[in-house]
Amino acid sequence: MNQLIQKIDSSSLGEYARVFEQHIQTYFDKHLAPTFGIQSSIRRVALGLGLVTSLTYFLSKYVVYRLFLHKTNRIPGPPVGWIPFAGNMREIIREEAGVPHKKWAKEYGGIVSYKGPWYENRVLLTDPELIKHVLTTNSYDYVKPPATVEFLKKILGEGLLISEGDLHRKQRKLLNPAFSVQSIRGMVPLMVAPGVQLRKQWMDAIADDKQNNNNDGATEIIVSSGLSLATLDVIGAAGMGHNFESLRTFNTPAANKLSKAYIDIFQSDISIFRVLTFFFPILKYVPTERNRMLKQDLKWLDEESRHLVEMGVDRGKHQDKDSQKPKHAKDLLTLMVDESDSDTGLGMTVKELQNQCLTFLAAGHETTSVALSWCLWLLAKHPEIQDALREEIQPVFGQMDIEHPLFDKPLEINPLQAQTEANLPSYETINSLTLLNNVCKETLRLIPPVPTTNRISTKDDVLNHYVVPKGTVLFLSVIANHHSTEVWGDDALEFRPARWDEPRAKNIGPYEYFPFLAGNRQCIGNRFAMVEMKILLSLLIMDLKYTEKPGFEPSKKQSVTLRPHPNMTLLVEKV
């Protein structure tokens, strides 16, 4: 069958080439040849040789070599699809994120060979030992592919997620203190404030719906939109030392440019045009309405992030001059400004700080809001777990003074003092809540916000006795490992937080469960993200009940993250 497909592909391509050659020869005969006095026989031979050479090169590189000669073809894997030059992309695009990877891993094992656009040779890894080899043992021999870097740096800047080698080691060393437990402990009050504000908005929406529509039931709320704004406000206050007020000003003339830009950038785009850009990257430069919008959004990100850094640097210079001002817990940006390399004594430049800020602004709010959207959906589908979680949370978060001024103007109040005055739970208390921890971990297992990541080999290597040539793209499927029945048991696809109290999950390896990756490339902000997720979930669960909207079934289509499509909509009511 494969041989037949290749014959059809070659035959079709040859026919296209003959038609194209006829058009070129006609144009050459009528316009160029008379001008330069080129004889008919010579020009026809030249054109023929040029087209044959080009066609031979194209077929050799993109068909013969990639389908038959590349060394990764010895690795077991699925046959290519029937669409010429699409490889296995038809199945990947049509299915929900991770579904083909899971199927192939189950059928072919922990290392699989498949084809991307233009028959690009790709290798899928799900074997924990091979993942360890790529992410830890030989991590600097496997870097992000140039196309991935080019795409991500527009949104994330050239920060920690993009850097490689010595630069990555240097940046990680400088940033580690900013993400220590001690630093995050002091940021808890700044994380609580946006959660209280979002809870109030949803409470007000329920009250208005009841008053205007005489509705005694639940109110329909697009929860993913509010969560995205709330997590951006968290990273604004705790990360940048700036109150974005995204929740309060969204869809008003005073709306923060960052919130508008990120909503545009991270919205799900599963159009045919986007699919075509996988095969023809030049299409991303076509001035479509979305591309023009993204260009404006990226400009705003650059301007606003630079402004944030300049304010942070200025704040660092003057933070000790006015002893009358209340002492605040330091935000991530202030901590980054304060840090310097122990070997050189030098800190980060304004541009370097801006790159890190872009990374933490995007990655620090998008992944958490996506995880929370799916978490509320899962709890809506499992009301008994939702009720048990509310029962655990109420004694801890239910004692808060939600009218405290901290929740109105978080950066104008001493957060450390307010933590006591408002009776906020401490970092340690939040992390001691067993079911809350299990629910968050199970959500990240079942629906990881970033279900796959990729690397490219910088040198020849051997994986499981198979040669992986330099320049091969490897995909690590987090979701395939998280759904493996061999690792998690027959109920791997079920939402069951109680599994984390059982020996199997307690003894799980770091390359079998890795929502924040693992090894040298593990997310530096994983502790920040986990406590943020726990705080916001607790505030939104303690006296609100979530149920599914009849007929609403979100799909898991991967864009930058695994955002629900369409936006997550649930029925919400007061308990």
Protein backbone atom coordinates (compact mmCIF):
# COMPACT_ATOMS: atom_id res chain seq x y z
CA MET A 1 0.00 0.00 0.00
CA ASN A 2 2.79 2.41 0.93
CA GLN A 3 4.57 1.65 -2.35
CA LEU A 4 1.36 2.39 -4.24
CA ILE A 5 0.93 5.70 -2.42
CA GLN A 6 4.50 6.67 -3.27
CA LYS A 7 3.88 5.86 -6.96
CA ILE A 8 0.72 7.98 -6.93
CA ASP A 9 2.57 10.82 -5.20
CA SER A 10 5.42 10.69 -7.72
CA SER A 11 3.03 10.44 -10.68
CA SER A 12 0.98 13.45 -9.52
CA LEU A 13 4.09 15.45 -8.81
CA GLY A 14 5.47 14.63 -12.24
CA GLU A 15 2.27 15.79 -13.94
CA TYR A 16 2.35 19.09 -12.01
CA ALA A 17 5.98 19.52 -12.99
CA ARG A 18 5.22 19.00 -16.71
CA VAL A 19 2.41 21.58 -16.67
CA PHE A 20 4.59 24.05 -14.77
CA GLU A 21 7.41 23.49 -17.26
CA GLN A 22 5.10 24.24 -20.20
CA HIS A 23 4.05 27.58 -18.66
CA ILE A 24 7.64 28.54 -17.96
CA GLN A 25 8.73 27.66 -21.50
CA THR A 26 5.88 29.71 -23.02
CA TYR A 27 6.79 32.76 -20.94
CA PHE A 28 10.48 32.30 -21.79
CA ASP A 29 9.75 31.98 -25.53
CA LYS A 30 7.50 35.05 -25.72
CA HIS A 31 9.26 37.51 -23.43
CA LEU A 32 12.80 36.67 -22.30
CA ALA A 33 14.33 34.81 -25.24
CA PRO A 34 13.74 37.53 -27.87
CA THR A 35 15.16 40.17 -25.55
CA PHE A 36 18.43 38.33 -25.01
CA GLY A 37 18.60 36.54 -28.36
CA ILE A 38 18.65 33.04 -26.89
CA GLN A 39 18.11 30.21 -29.39
CA SER A 40 15.05 28.01 -28.93
CA SER A 41 16.94 24.71 -28.63
CA ILE A 42 19.35 26.06 -26.01
CA ARG A 43 16.67 27.60 -23.88
CA ARG A 44 14.57 24.44 -23.94
CA VAL A 45 17.51 22.29 -22.85
CA ALA A 46 18.37 24.79 -20.09
CA LEU A 47 14.83 24.93 -18.81
CA GLY A 48 14.47 21.19 -18.92
CA LEU A 49 17.71 20.59 -17.05
CA GLY A 50 16.77 23.20 -14.42
CA LEU A 51 13.37 21.73 -13.76
CA VAL A 52 14.63 18.16 -13.74
CA THR A 53 17.43 19.09 -11.35
CA SER A 54 15.06 20.94 -9.03
CA LEU A 55 12.50 18.15 -9.12
CA THR A 56 15.17 15.51 -8.51
CA TYR A 57 16.54 17.47 -5.54
CA PHE A 58 13.05 17.96 -4.09
CA LEU A 59 12.09 14.29 -4.43
CA SER A 60 15.45 13.11 -3.10
CA LYS A 61 15.34 15.36 -0.01
CA TYR A 62 11.66 15.31 0.91
CA VAL A 63 10.57 11.88 -0.28
CA VAL A 64 13.35 9.36 -0.87
CA TYR A 65 15.64 10.38 2.01
CA ARG A 66 12.97 11.07 4.59
CA LEU A 67 10.74 8.09 3.78
CA PHE A 68 13.39 5.46 3.05
CA LEU A 69 16.97 6.45 3.91
CA HIS A 70 16.74 8.40 7.18
CA LYS A 71 17.99 6.24 10.06
CA THR A 72 14.92 6.85 12.23
CA ASN A 73 12.86 4.83 9.72
CA ARG A 74 14.25 1.73 11.45
CA ILE A 75 12.30 2.73 14.57
CA PRO A 76 8.79 1.21 14.62
CA GLY A 77 5.92 3.58 13.95
CA PRO A 78 2.69 4.22 12.04
CA PRO A 79 2.55 4.32 8.23
CA VAL A 80 2.26 7.74 6.63
CA GLY A 81 -1.20 9.04 5.81
CA TRP A 82 -2.67 9.13 2.30
CA ILE A 83 -2.32 12.91 1.79
CA PRO A 84 0.94 13.60 -0.09
CA PHE A 85 3.64 15.29 2.02
CA ALA A 86 1.37 15.49 5.09
CA GLY A 87 3.03 12.57 6.85
CA ASN A 88 0.94 11.73 9.93
CA MET A 89 -0.27 15.32 10.44
CA ARG A 90 -3.84 14.59 9.30
CA GLU A 91 -4.37 12.33 12.30
CA ILE A 92 -2.62 14.73 14.69
CA ILE A 93 -4.68 17.73 13.55
CA ARG A 94 -8.03 15.89 13.50
CA GLU A 95 -7.74 14.25 16.92
CA GLU A 96 -7.71 15.84 20.37
CA ALA A 97 -4.28 16.71 21.72
CA GLY A 98 -2.23 13.64 22.60
CA VAL A 99 -4.62 11.02 21.22
CA PRO A 100 -2.37 9.85 18.31
CA HIS A 101 0.71 9.86 20.57
CA LYS A 102 -1.07 7.71 23.15
CA LYS A 103 -2.25 5.26 20.48
CA TRP A 104 1.19 4.96 18.90
CA ALA A 105 2.96 4.55 22.24
CA LYS A 106 0.60 1.72 23.16
CA GLU A 107 1.04 0.00 19.79
CA TYR A 108 4.75 0.53 19.10
CA GLY A 109 6.37 1.09 22.49
CA GLY A 110 8.40 3.79 24.24
CA ILE A 111 10.16 5.07 21.10
CA VAL A 112 8.17 5.69 17.93
CA SER A 113 9.04 7.07 14.50
CA TYR A 114 6.45 9.14 12.62
CA LYS A 115 6.30 11.89 10.02
CA GLY A 116 5.49 15.58 10.29
CA PRO A 117 4.81 18.09 7.48
CA TRP A 118 6.79 17.40 4.28
CA TYR A 119 7.60 13.96 5.75
CA GLU A 120 9.81 15.52 8.43
CA ASN A 121 11.31 12.69 10.50
CA ARG A 122 10.06 12.82 14.08
CA VAL A 123 10.64 10.59 17.08
CA LEU A 124 8.16 10.23 19.94
CA LEU A 125 9.56 9.29 23.36
CA THR A 126 7.44 7.93 26.22
CA ASP A 127 9.97 5.56 27.80
CA PRO A 128 10.92 7.19 31.16
CA GLU A 129 14.58 6.27 30.77
CA LEU A 130 14.77 7.85 27.33
CA ILE A 131 12.98 10.97 28.59
CA LYS A 132 15.52 11.17 31.41
CA HIS A 133 18.29 10.85 28.83
CA VAL A 134 16.95 13.82 26.88
CA LEU A 135 15.85 16.07 29.75
CA THR A 136 18.59 15.38 32.29
CA THR A 137 21.52 13.13 31.41
CA ASN A 138 22.21 14.74 28.02
CA SER A 139 19.95 17.79 28.30
CA TYR A 140 22.33 20.20 26.60
CA ASP A 141 22.62 17.92 23.56
CA TYR A 142 18.89 18.32 22.98
CA VAL A 143 17.65 21.86 22.48
CA LYS A 144 14.44 23.50 21.32
CA PRO A 145 14.08 23.38 17.51
CA PRO A 146 14.77 26.72 15.74
CA ALA A 147 11.16 26.98 14.51
CA THR A 148 9.86 26.51 18.06
CA VAL A 149 12.29 29.11 19.41
CA GLU A 150 11.32 31.58 16.69
CA PHE A 151 7.65 31.16 17.56
CA LEU A 152 7.99 31.22 21.35
CA LYS A 153 10.41 34.11 21.69
CA LYS A 154 7.86 36.50 20.19
CA ILE A 155 5.58 35.76 23.15
CA LEU A 156 8.00 34.70 25.89
CA GLY A 157 11.02 36.83 25.05
CA GLU A 158 14.50 35.31 25.02
CA GLY A 159 14.27 34.31 28.67
CA LEU A 160 14.81 31.14 30.67
CA LEU A 161 12.44 28.97 28.61
CA ILE A 162 14.26 29.79 25.38
CA SER A 163 17.91 29.93 26.48
CA GLU A 164 20.25 26.95 26.14
CA GLY A 165 23.64 25.79 27.38
CA ASP A 166 25.82 28.14 29.45
CA LEU A 167 23.32 31.00 29.09
CA HIS A 168 20.57 28.83 30.55
CA ARG A 169 22.79 27.77 33.45
CA LYS A 170 23.67 31.40 34.18
CA GLN A 171 20.05 32.59 34.03
CA ARG A 172 18.81 29.72 36.19
CA LYS A 173 21.47 30.45 38.80
CA LEU A 174 20.47 34.12 38.95
CA LEU A 175 16.75 33.35 39.14
CA ASN A 176 16.73 30.50 41.67
CA PRO A 177 16.59 32.78 44.77
CA ALA A 178 13.53 34.60 43.41
CA PHE A 179 11.60 31.30 43.33
CA SER A 180 12.70 29.93 46.69
CA VAL A 181 10.09 28.81 49.24
CA GLN A 182 11.02 31.78 51.42
CA SER A 183 10.32 34.23 48.59
CA ILE A 184 7.03 32.60 47.57
CA ARG A 185 5.85 32.42 51.18
CA GLY A 186 5.76 36.22 51.33
CA MET A 187 3.76 36.46 48.09
CA VAL A 188 0.71 34.56 49.37
CA PRO A 189 -1.33 37.70 50.26
CA LEU A 190 -0.74 39.13 46.77
CA MET A 191 -2.01 35.88 45.25
CA VAL A 192 -5.15 35.88 47.41
CA ALA A 193 -6.33 39.37 46.38
CA PRO A 194 -7.23 38.63 42.70
CA GLY A 195 -9.00 35.43 43.81
CA VAL A 196 -11.18 37.40 46.23
CA GLN A 197 -11.96 39.94 43.49
CA LEU A 198 -12.93 37.22 40.98
CA ARG A 199 -15.10 35.47 43.57
CA LYS A 200 -16.90 38.77 44.22
CA GLN A 201 -17.49 39.31 40.50
CA TRP A 202 -19.06 35.87 40.17
CA MET A 203 -21.13 36.40 43.32
CA ASP A 204 -22.38 39.71 41.90
CA ALA A 205 -23.21 38.06 38.56
CA ILE A 206 -25.28 35.40 40.38
CA ALA A 207 -27.10 38.08 42.39
CA ASP A 208 -27.82 40.19 39.28
CA ASP A 209 -29.07 37.16 37.38
CA LYS A 210 -31.38 36.25 40.24
CA GLN A 211 -32.74 39.79 40.51
CA ASN A 212 -33.15 40.51 36.81
CA ASN A 213 -34.43 37.14 35.68
CA ASN A 214 -36.03 35.88 38.87
CA ASN A 215 -33.63 33.00 38.55
CA ASP A 216 -33.38 30.80 41.62
CA GLY A 217 -31.12 28.33 39.86
CA ALA A 218 -27.54 28.50 38.65
CA THR A 219 -25.99 31.29 36.57
CA GLU A 220 -24.08 30.61 33.37
CA ILE A 221 -20.52 31.95 33.64
CA ILE A 222 -17.60 31.76 31.20
CA VAL A 223 -15.10 30.80 33.89
CA SER A 224 -12.00 30.59 31.68
CA SER A 225 -12.14 34.32 30.84
CA GLY A 226 -12.23 35.42 34.47
CA LEU A 227 -9.52 32.94 35.44
CA SER A 228 -7.20 34.25 32.73
CA LEU A 229 -7.61 37.81 34.00
CA ALA A 230 -7.22 36.78 37.66
CA THR A 231 -3.99 34.84 37.07
CA LEU A 232 -2.62 37.79 35.08
CA ASP A 233 -3.38 40.04 38.07
CA VAL A 234 -1.58 37.54 40.32
CA ILE A 235 1.57 37.61 38.21
CA GLY A 236 1.23 41.41 37.98
CA ALA A 237 1.18 41.93 41.75
CA ALA A 238 3.33 39.03 42.99
CA GLY A 239 5.58 38.90 39.95
CA MET A 240 5.97 42.45 38.68
CA GLY A 241 4.99 44.56 41.71
CA HIS A 242 2.31 46.25 39.60
CA ASN A 243 -1.48 46.22 39.85
CA PHE A 244 -2.76 45.46 36.35
CA GLU A 245 -6.42 45.60 37.48
CA SER A 246 -7.28 43.29 34.58
CA LEU A 247 -10.40 41.97 36.33
CA ARG A 248 -11.80 45.42 37.03
CA THR A 249 -11.00 47.15 33.77
CA PHE A 250 -11.45 44.42 31.13
CA ASN A 251 -13.69 45.53 28.24
CA THR A 252 -13.46 49.16 29.37
CA PRO A 253 -11.40 52.06 27.93
CA ALA A 254 -9.06 51.69 30.92
CA ALA A 255 -8.29 48.03 30.13
CA ASN A 256 -4.69 46.96 30.52
CA LYS A 257 -2.97 46.39 27.17
CA LEU A 258 -1.33 43.22 28.46
CA SER A 259 -4.65 41.54 29.23
CA LYS A 260 -5.98 42.40 25.76
CA ALA A 261 -2.79 41.15 24.09
CA TYR A 262 -2.67 37.83 25.96
CA ILE A 263 -6.35 37.08 25.34
CA ASP A 264 -5.74 37.55 21.61
CA ILE A 265 -2.51 35.54 21.55
CA PHE A 266 -3.74 32.54 23.52
CA GLN A 267 -7.20 32.22 22.02
CA SER A 268 -7.74 28.92 20.24
CA ASP A 269 -7.14 29.20 16.50
CA ILE A 270 -7.99 25.99 14.65
CA SER A 271 -8.71 27.56 11.28
CA ILE A 272 -7.66 26.01 7.97
CA PHE A 273 -5.25 28.92 7.47
CA ARG A 274 -3.45 28.03 10.71
CA VAL A 275 -3.19 24.40 9.61
CA LEU A 276 -1.65 25.50 6.31
CA THR A 277 1.05 27.46 8.15
CA PHE A 278 2.42 24.12 9.43
CA PHE A 279 3.26 23.29 5.80
CA PHE A 280 3.96 26.79 4.49
CA PRO A 281 5.50 28.88 7.33
CA ILE A 282 5.70 31.91 5.01
CA LEU A 283 1.91 32.26 5.44
CA LYS A 284 2.44 33.70 8.92
CA TYR A 285 3.62 36.88 7.18
CA VAL A 286 0.40 37.25 5.16
CA PRO A 287 -1.39 40.39 6.48
CA THR A 288 -4.57 38.63 7.58
CA GLU A 289 -6.78 40.23 10.21
CA ARG A 290 -5.43 37.88 12.90
CA ASN A 291 -1.80 38.42 11.88
CA ARG A 292 -2.25 42.20 11.98
CA MET A 293 -3.86 41.88 15.39
CA LEU A 294 -1.00 39.71 16.68
CA LYS A 295 1.55 42.19 15.38
CA GLN A 296 -0.12 44.94 17.42
CA ASP A 297 -0.37 42.66 20.46
CA LEU A 298 3.35 41.78 20.31
CA LYS A 299 4.18 45.48 20.08
CA TRP A 300 2.13 46.11 23.23
CA LEU A 301 3.92 43.26 25.03
CA ASP A 302 7.30 44.78 24.20
CA GLU A 303 6.31 48.28 25.29
CA GLU A 304 4.49 47.28 28.48
CA SER A 305 7.11 44.78 29.65
CA ARG A 306 9.90 47.30 29.19
CA HIS A 307 7.89 49.86 31.15
CA LEU A 308 7.39 47.32 33.96
CA VAL A 309 11.12 46.65 34.13
CA GLU A 310 12.02 50.33 34.20
CA MET A 311 9.57 50.87 37.06
CA GLY A 312 10.99 47.82 38.87
CA VAL A 313 14.56 49.06 38.54
CA ASP A 314 13.51 52.50 39.79
CA ARG A 315 11.58 50.90 42.67
CA GLY A 316 14.66 48.94 43.64
CA LYS A 317 16.77 52.10 43.77
CA HIS A 318 14.33 53.92 46.03
CA GLN A 319 12.83 51.14 48.14
CA ASP A 320 14.94 51.95 51.21
CA LYS A 321 14.90 55.75 50.93
CA ASP A 322 11.48 56.30 52.46
CA SER A 323 11.48 54.53 55.82
CA GLN A 324 7.87 55.66 56.46
CA LYS A 325 6.48 53.42 53.74
CA PRO A 326 5.36 49.95 54.83
CA LYS A 327 7.80 47.19 54.07
CA HIS A 328 6.43 44.84 51.45
CA ALA A 329 7.30 41.29 50.55
CA LYS A 330 9.45 41.53 47.46
CA ASP A 331 7.93 40.66 44.11
CA LEU A 332 9.78 38.49 41.57
CA LEU A 333 10.97 41.47 39.53
CA THR A 334 12.45 43.24 42.56
CA LEU A 335 14.17 40.02 43.57
CA MET A 336 15.59 39.66 40.03
CA VAL A 337 16.82 43.26 40.06
CA ASP A 338 18.60 42.60 43.37
CA GLU A 339 20.35 39.43 42.22
CA SER A 340 23.89 39.40 40.83
CA ASP A 341 26.22 36.68 39.57
CA SER A 342 28.46 35.48 42.40
CA ASP A 343 31.35 35.02 39.96
CA THR A 344 31.16 38.33 38.08
CA GLY A 345 29.21 40.51 40.49
CA LEU A 346 27.00 41.59 37.59
CA GLY A 347 23.22 41.56 37.56
CA MET A 348 20.86 41.37 34.60
CA THR A 349 20.58 44.20 32.09
CA VAL A 350 17.25 45.92 31.42
CA LYS A 351 16.85 43.85 28.24
CA GLU A 352 17.60 40.61 30.09
CA LEU A 353 15.11 41.53 32.81
CA GLN A 354 12.53 42.33 30.15
CA ASN A 355 13.01 38.91 28.54
CA GLN A 356 12.52 37.17 31.90
CA CYS A 357 9.43 39.28 32.60
CA LEU A 358 7.88 38.33 29.26
CA THR A 359 8.51 34.68 30.09
CA PHE A 360 6.91 34.86 33.53
CA LEU A 361 4.02 37.06 32.39
CA ALA A 362 2.95 34.59 29.71
CA ALA A 363 3.89 31.24 31.22
CA GLY A 364 3.01 32.35 34.75
CA HIS A 365 -0.62 33.14 34.07
CA GLU A 366 -1.70 31.14 31.00
CA THR A 367 -0.85 27.63 32.22
CA THR A 368 -2.45 28.22 35.65
CA SER A 369 -5.67 29.64 34.21
CA VAL A 370 -5.92 26.70 31.78
CA ALA A 371 -5.36 24.20 34.60
CA LEU A 372 -8.01 25.89 36.77
CA SER A 373 -10.55 25.96 33.93
CA TRP A 374 -10.23 22.20 33.46
CA CYS A 375 -10.14 21.64 37.22
CA LEU A 376 -13.51 23.36 37.77
CA TRP A 377 -14.94 21.35 34.85
CA LEU A 378 -13.72 18.09 36.36
CA LEU A 379 -15.16 19.04 39.76
CA ALA A 380 -18.47 19.93 38.09
CA LYS A 381 -18.51 16.40 36.64
CA HIS A 382 -17.72 14.92 40.06
CA PRO A 383 -19.91 16.73 42.61
CA GLU A 384 -19.01 14.33 45.43
CA ILE A 385 -15.32 15.29 45.12
CA GLN A 386 -16.29 18.98 44.86
CA ASP A 387 -18.31 18.73 48.09
CA ALA A 388 -15.50 16.96 49.92
CA LEU A 389 -12.99 19.58 48.77
CA ARG A 390 -15.29 22.40 49.93
CA GLU A 391 -15.57 20.73 53.32
CA GLU A 392 -11.78 20.61 53.65
CA ILE A 393 -11.27 24.19 52.48
CA GLN A 394 -14.01 25.95 54.48
CA PRO A 395 -12.33 25.83 57.91
CA VAL A 396 -9.14 27.35 56.47
CA PHE A 397 -10.33 29.91 53.91
CA GLY A 398 -13.79 30.51 55.34
CA GLN A 399 -12.34 32.46 58.29
CA MET A 400 -10.81 35.18 56.11
CA ASP A 401 -11.89 38.80 56.43
CA ILE A 402 -12.71 39.34 52.76
CA GLU A 403 -13.57 43.00 53.42
CA HIS A 404 -9.97 43.81 54.37
CA PRO A 405 -8.45 46.72 52.35
CA LEU A 406 -5.75 44.35 51.05
CA PHE A 407 -8.22 42.88 48.57
CA ASP A 408 -9.05 46.28 47.12
CA LYS A 409 -5.55 47.74 46.79
CA PRO A 410 -3.08 44.89 47.38
CA LEU A 411 0.08 46.90 46.64
CA GLU A 412 -0.84 49.81 48.90
CA ILE A 413 -1.15 47.67 52.03
CA ASN A 414 1.61 45.91 53.92
CA PRO A 415 0.81 42.33 52.81
CA LEU A 416 2.75 40.68 55.63
CA GLN A 417 0.81 42.60 58.22
CA ALA A 418 -2.44 42.11 56.31
CA GLN A 419 -1.92 38.34 56.31
CA THR A 420 -2.42 38.35 60.05
CA GLU A 421 -5.14 41.02 60.12
CA ALA A 422 -7.23 39.33 57.41
CA ASN A 423 -6.59 35.86 58.86
CA LEU A 424 -5.08 34.53 55.62
CA PRO A 425 -3.79 30.95 55.61
CA SER A 426 -0.01 30.58 55.42
CA TYR A 427 1.96 28.89 52.64
CA GLU A 428 2.49 25.85 54.88
CA THR A 429 -1.19 25.62 55.86
CA ILE A 430 -2.31 25.71 52.22
CA ASN A 431 0.11 22.96 51.28
CA SER A 432 -1.06 20.82 54.21
CA LEU A 433 -4.57 20.41 52.73
CA THR A 434 -4.44 16.83 51.43
CA LEU A 435 -7.46 16.72 49.13
CA LEU A 436 -6.68 20.16 47.69
CA ASN A 437 -3.19 18.95 46.82
CA ASN A 438 -4.53 15.73 45.34
CA VAL A 439 -7.16 17.52 43.21
CA CYS A 440 -4.55 19.87 41.75
CA LYS A 441 -2.08 17.07 41.03
CA GLU A 442 -4.77 14.88 39.48
CA THR A 443 -5.95 17.74 37.25
CA LEU A 444 -2.39 18.30 36.00
CA ARG A 445 -2.06 14.55 35.39
CA LEU A 446 -5.30 14.11 33.49
CA ILE A 447 -5.20 17.39 31.51
CA PRO A 448 -1.68 18.89 31.56
CA PRO A 449 -1.79 22.50 30.27
CA VAL A 450 1.22 21.82 28.04
CA PRO A 451 0.67 18.23 26.81
CA THR A 452 3.79 17.94 24.62
CA THR A 453 7.21 19.49 24.27
CA ASN A 454 9.88 18.98 21.64
CA ARG A 455 13.64 18.97 21.25
CA ILE A 456 16.12 18.63 18.39
CA SER A 457 19.33 16.61 18.62
CA THR A 458 22.53 18.62 18.20
CA LYS A 459 24.64 15.52 17.57
CA ASP A 460 24.21 11.89 16.57
CA ASP A 461 22.98 9.73 19.44
CA VAL A 462 21.73 6.22 20.18
CA LEU A 463 18.38 5.66 21.89
CA ASN A 464 17.36 2.07 22.65
CA HIS A 465 19.85 0.76 20.07
CA TYR A 466 18.40 3.05 17.39
CA VAL A 467 20.57 5.72 15.79
CA VAL A 468 19.08 9.22 16.07
CA PRO A 469 20.96 11.49 13.64
CA LYS A 470 21.84 15.09 14.37
CA GLY A 471 18.94 17.39 13.50
CA THR A 472 16.18 14.90 14.38
CA VAL A 473 13.13 16.40 16.09
CA LEU A 474 11.97 14.52 19.19
CA PHE A 475 8.58 14.90 20.88
CA LEU A 476 8.04 14.17 24.57
CA SER A 477 4.36 13.52 25.18
CA VAL A 478 3.54 14.44 28.76
CA ILE A 479 -0.09 13.48 28.28
CA ALA A 480 0.78 10.03 26.88
CA ASN A 481 2.81 9.23 29.99
CA HIS A 482 0.13 10.67 32.27
CA HIS A 483 -2.53 8.45 30.65
CA SER A 484 -0.51 5.24 30.47
CA THR A 485 -2.41 2.29 31.93
CA GLU A 486 0.91 0.53 32.48
CA VAL A 487 1.99 3.33 34.81
CA TRP A 488 -1.32 4.37 36.42
CA GLY A 489 -3.53 1.29 36.11
CA ASP A 490 -6.75 0.58 34.25
CA ASP A 491 -8.39 3.76 35.60
CA ALA A 492 -5.70 6.03 34.12
CA LEU A 493 -8.30 8.07 32.20
CA GLU A 494 -10.49 8.63 35.27
CA PHE A 495 -10.39 11.73 37.50
CA ARG A 496 -9.61 10.13 40.86
CA PRO A 497 -7.67 12.38 43.27
CA ALA A 498 -7.61 9.61 45.89
CA ARG A 499 -5.00 7.76 43.79
CA TRP A 500 -2.37 10.15 45.20
CA ASP A 501 -2.83 8.57 48.65
CA GLU A 502 -2.05 5.13 47.24
CA PRO A 503 1.39 3.50 46.86
CA ARG A 504 1.40 3.45 43.06
CA ALA A 505 1.05 7.23 42.69
CA LYS A 506 3.15 8.01 45.75
CA ASN A 507 6.05 6.13 44.18
CA ILE A 508 5.65 7.55 40.71
CA GLY A 509 8.87 8.57 38.95
CA PRO A 510 9.76 12.12 37.84
CA TYR A 511 9.75 11.04 34.18
CA GLU A 512 6.32 9.39 34.40
CA TYR A 513 4.55 12.37 35.99
CA PHE A 514 6.04 15.66 34.83
CA PRO A 515 3.49 18.46 34.21
CA PHE A 516 6.31 20.95 34.82
CA LEU A 517 8.87 18.86 32.90
CA ALA A 518 11.83 17.44 34.80
CA GLY A 519 15.58 17.62 35.20
CA ASN A 520 17.53 20.70 34.18
CA ARG A 521 14.56 22.08 32.25
CA GLN A 522 11.96 21.70 34.99
CA CYS A 523 9.82 24.82 35.32
CA ILE A 524 11.55 27.10 37.81
CA GLY A 525 8.17 28.51 38.87
CA ASN A 526 6.48 25.21 39.66
CA ARG A 527 6.08 25.97 43.40
CA PHE A 528 4.72 29.44 42.59
CA ALA A 529 2.22 27.96 40.11
CA MET A 530 1.05 25.20 42.46
CA VAL A 531 0.33 27.46 45.44
CA GLU A 532 -1.35 29.99 43.12
CA MET A 533 -3.58 27.25 41.72
CA LYS A 534 -4.48 26.04 45.23
CA ILE A 535 -5.29 29.54 46.48
CA LEU A 536 -7.53 30.50 43.56
CA LEU A 537 -9.31 27.13 43.53
CA SER A 538 -9.97 27.34 47.26
CA LEU A 539 -11.43 30.85 47.06
CA LEU A 540 -13.70 29.89 44.16
CA ILE A 541 -14.89 26.60 45.69
CA MET A 542 -15.48 27.49 49.35
CA ASP A 543 -19.01 28.88 48.85
CA LEU A 544 -19.72 28.43 45.14
CA LYS A 545 -21.05 25.29 43.47
CA TYR A 546 -20.27 24.32 39.87
CA THR A 547 -22.31 22.09 37.58
CA GLU A 548 -22.05 21.26 33.89
CA LYS A 549 -23.96 23.30 31.34
CA PRO A 550 -26.26 20.88 29.45
CA GLY A 551 -24.98 20.20 25.95
CA PHE A 552 -21.63 21.93 26.54
CA GLU A 553 -18.67 19.65 25.81
CA PRO A 554 -15.29 21.42 25.53
CA SER A 555 -12.61 19.94 23.30
CA LYS A 556 -8.89 19.78 23.97
CA LYS A 557 -7.27 21.38 20.94
CA GLN A 558 -3.66 22.40 21.51
CA SER A 559 -2.58 25.89 20.55
CA VAL A 560 0.16 27.34 22.75
CA THR A 561 -1.51 25.52 25.66
CA LEU A 562 -4.37 23.06 26.03
CA ARG A 563 -7.07 25.71 26.35
CA PRO A 564 -10.67 24.46 26.37
CA HIS A 565 -12.49 25.16 23.12
CA PRO A 566 -14.85 26.92 23.21
CA ASN A 567 -14.16 28.90 26.39
CA MET A 568 -15.04 26.93 29.52
CA THR A 569 -18.63 27.68 30.51
CA LEU A 570 -20.21 26.33 33.70
CA LEU A 571 -23.33 26.83 35.78
CA VAL A 572 -22.47 28.49 39.09
CA GLU A 573 -24.56 29.07 42.20
CA LYS A 574 -24.07 29.98 45.84
CA VAL A 575 -23.86 27.09 48.25
